[in-house]
Each structure stands twice: as structure tokens, then as C-alpha cells.
Amino acid sequence: MKHLVVYAHPHPESFNYSIMETTVQTLENKGHEVVVRDLYALDFQPVLKPEDTDAMKSGH
């Protein structure tokens, strides 16, 4: 089975990171495929700005 884990926490020493790592390791040990998307590492910006919507409308 394939899994996507979306992780968003700025500190790799956090309890949330430990939970994510344990989840990934447990699933992989059971033969599952796991992909982690770390939103902080991807510099994800959750705020949609007016210029973003203008770019989408113009096809960029």
C-alpha cells in the first residue's frame, strides 16, 4: 500500500517529528511505500496572494 505523510513542524527534535518517524518506520517495516512531504523543507507558503491568483488565471 502507498502512503503520503504530510508533515509540518519547524523543529526536527520535536515530538511531532518523532511521531512522523515512528509512523514511517512502522509502515515501511510492514512493506508499505511511504512518501513524506515536509512543508517546512519545501518552504510551503499557505497564504494565497492576489498575484498568485492572477498568475493562475493567465496560465502561469
Protein backbone atom coordinates (compact mmCIF):
# COMPACT_ATOMS: atom_id res chain seq x y z
CA MET A 1 0.00 0.00 0.00
CA LYS A 2 1.16 3.56 -0.67
CA HIS A 3 1.00 6.30 1.96
CA LEU A 4 1.57 10.05 1.89
CA VAL A 5 2.56 11.69 5.16
CA VAL A 6 2.20 15.48 5.24
CA TYR A 7 4.43 16.85 7.98
CA ALA A 8 4.58 20.47 9.13
CA HIS A 9 6.77 21.37 12.08
CA PRO A 10 9.82 23.64 12.14
CA HIS A 11 11.93 21.61 14.59
CA PRO A 12 13.30 18.14 13.80
CA GLU A 13 13.82 17.45 17.51
CA SER A 14 10.10 17.85 18.24
CA PHE A 15 7.71 15.18 19.48
CA ASN A 16 5.77 15.60 16.22
CA TYR A 17 8.89 14.62 14.27
CA SER A 18 9.28 11.52 16.42
CA ILE A 19 5.67 10.55 15.73
CA MET A 20 6.19 11.01 11.99
CA GLU A 21 9.42 8.97 12.01
CA THR A 22 7.81 6.16 14.02
CA THR A 23 4.86 6.08 11.64
CA VAL A 24 7.12 5.95 8.57
CA GLN A 25 9.35 3.24 10.04
CA THR A 26 6.39 1.12 11.13
CA LEU A 27 4.73 1.31 7.72
CA GLU A 28 7.97 0.60 5.86
CA ASN A 29 8.72 -2.38 8.12
CA LYS A 30 5.35 -3.80 7.09
CA GLY A 31 6.29 -3.45 3.42
CA HIS A 32 4.36 -0.28 2.66
CA GLU A 33 5.61 2.52 0.43
CA VAL A 34 5.78 5.86 2.24
CA VAL A 35 6.36 9.36 0.89
CA VAL A 36 6.86 12.24 3.35
CA ARG A 37 6.20 15.82 2.33
CA ASP A 38 7.78 18.19 4.85
CA LEU A 39 6.04 21.51 4.29
CA TYR A 40 8.76 23.49 6.08
CA ALA A 41 11.51 21.87 3.99
CA LEU A 42 9.51 22.70 0.87
CA ASP A 43 9.13 26.34 2.04
CA PHE A 44 5.36 25.98 1.65
CA GLN A 45 3.50 29.28 1.90
CA PRO A 46 -0.14 28.68 2.89
CA VAL A 47 -1.29 32.20 2.06
CA LEU A 48 -2.66 32.71 -1.44
CA LYS A 49 -1.82 36.22 -2.63
CA PRO A 50 -3.67 38.22 -5.31
CA GLU A 51 -0.68 37.94 -7.67
CA ASP A 52 -0.85 34.15 -7.28
CA THR A 53 -4.45 34.03 -8.50
CA ASP A 54 -3.60 36.45 -11.33
CA ALA A 55 -0.79 34.12 -12.43
CA MET A 56 -3.11 31.12 -12.36
CA LYS A 57 -5.71 32.96 -14.46
CA SER A 58 -3.07 33.84 -17.04
CA GLY A 59 -1.88 30.24 -17.21
CA HIS A 60 1.46 30.57 -15.37
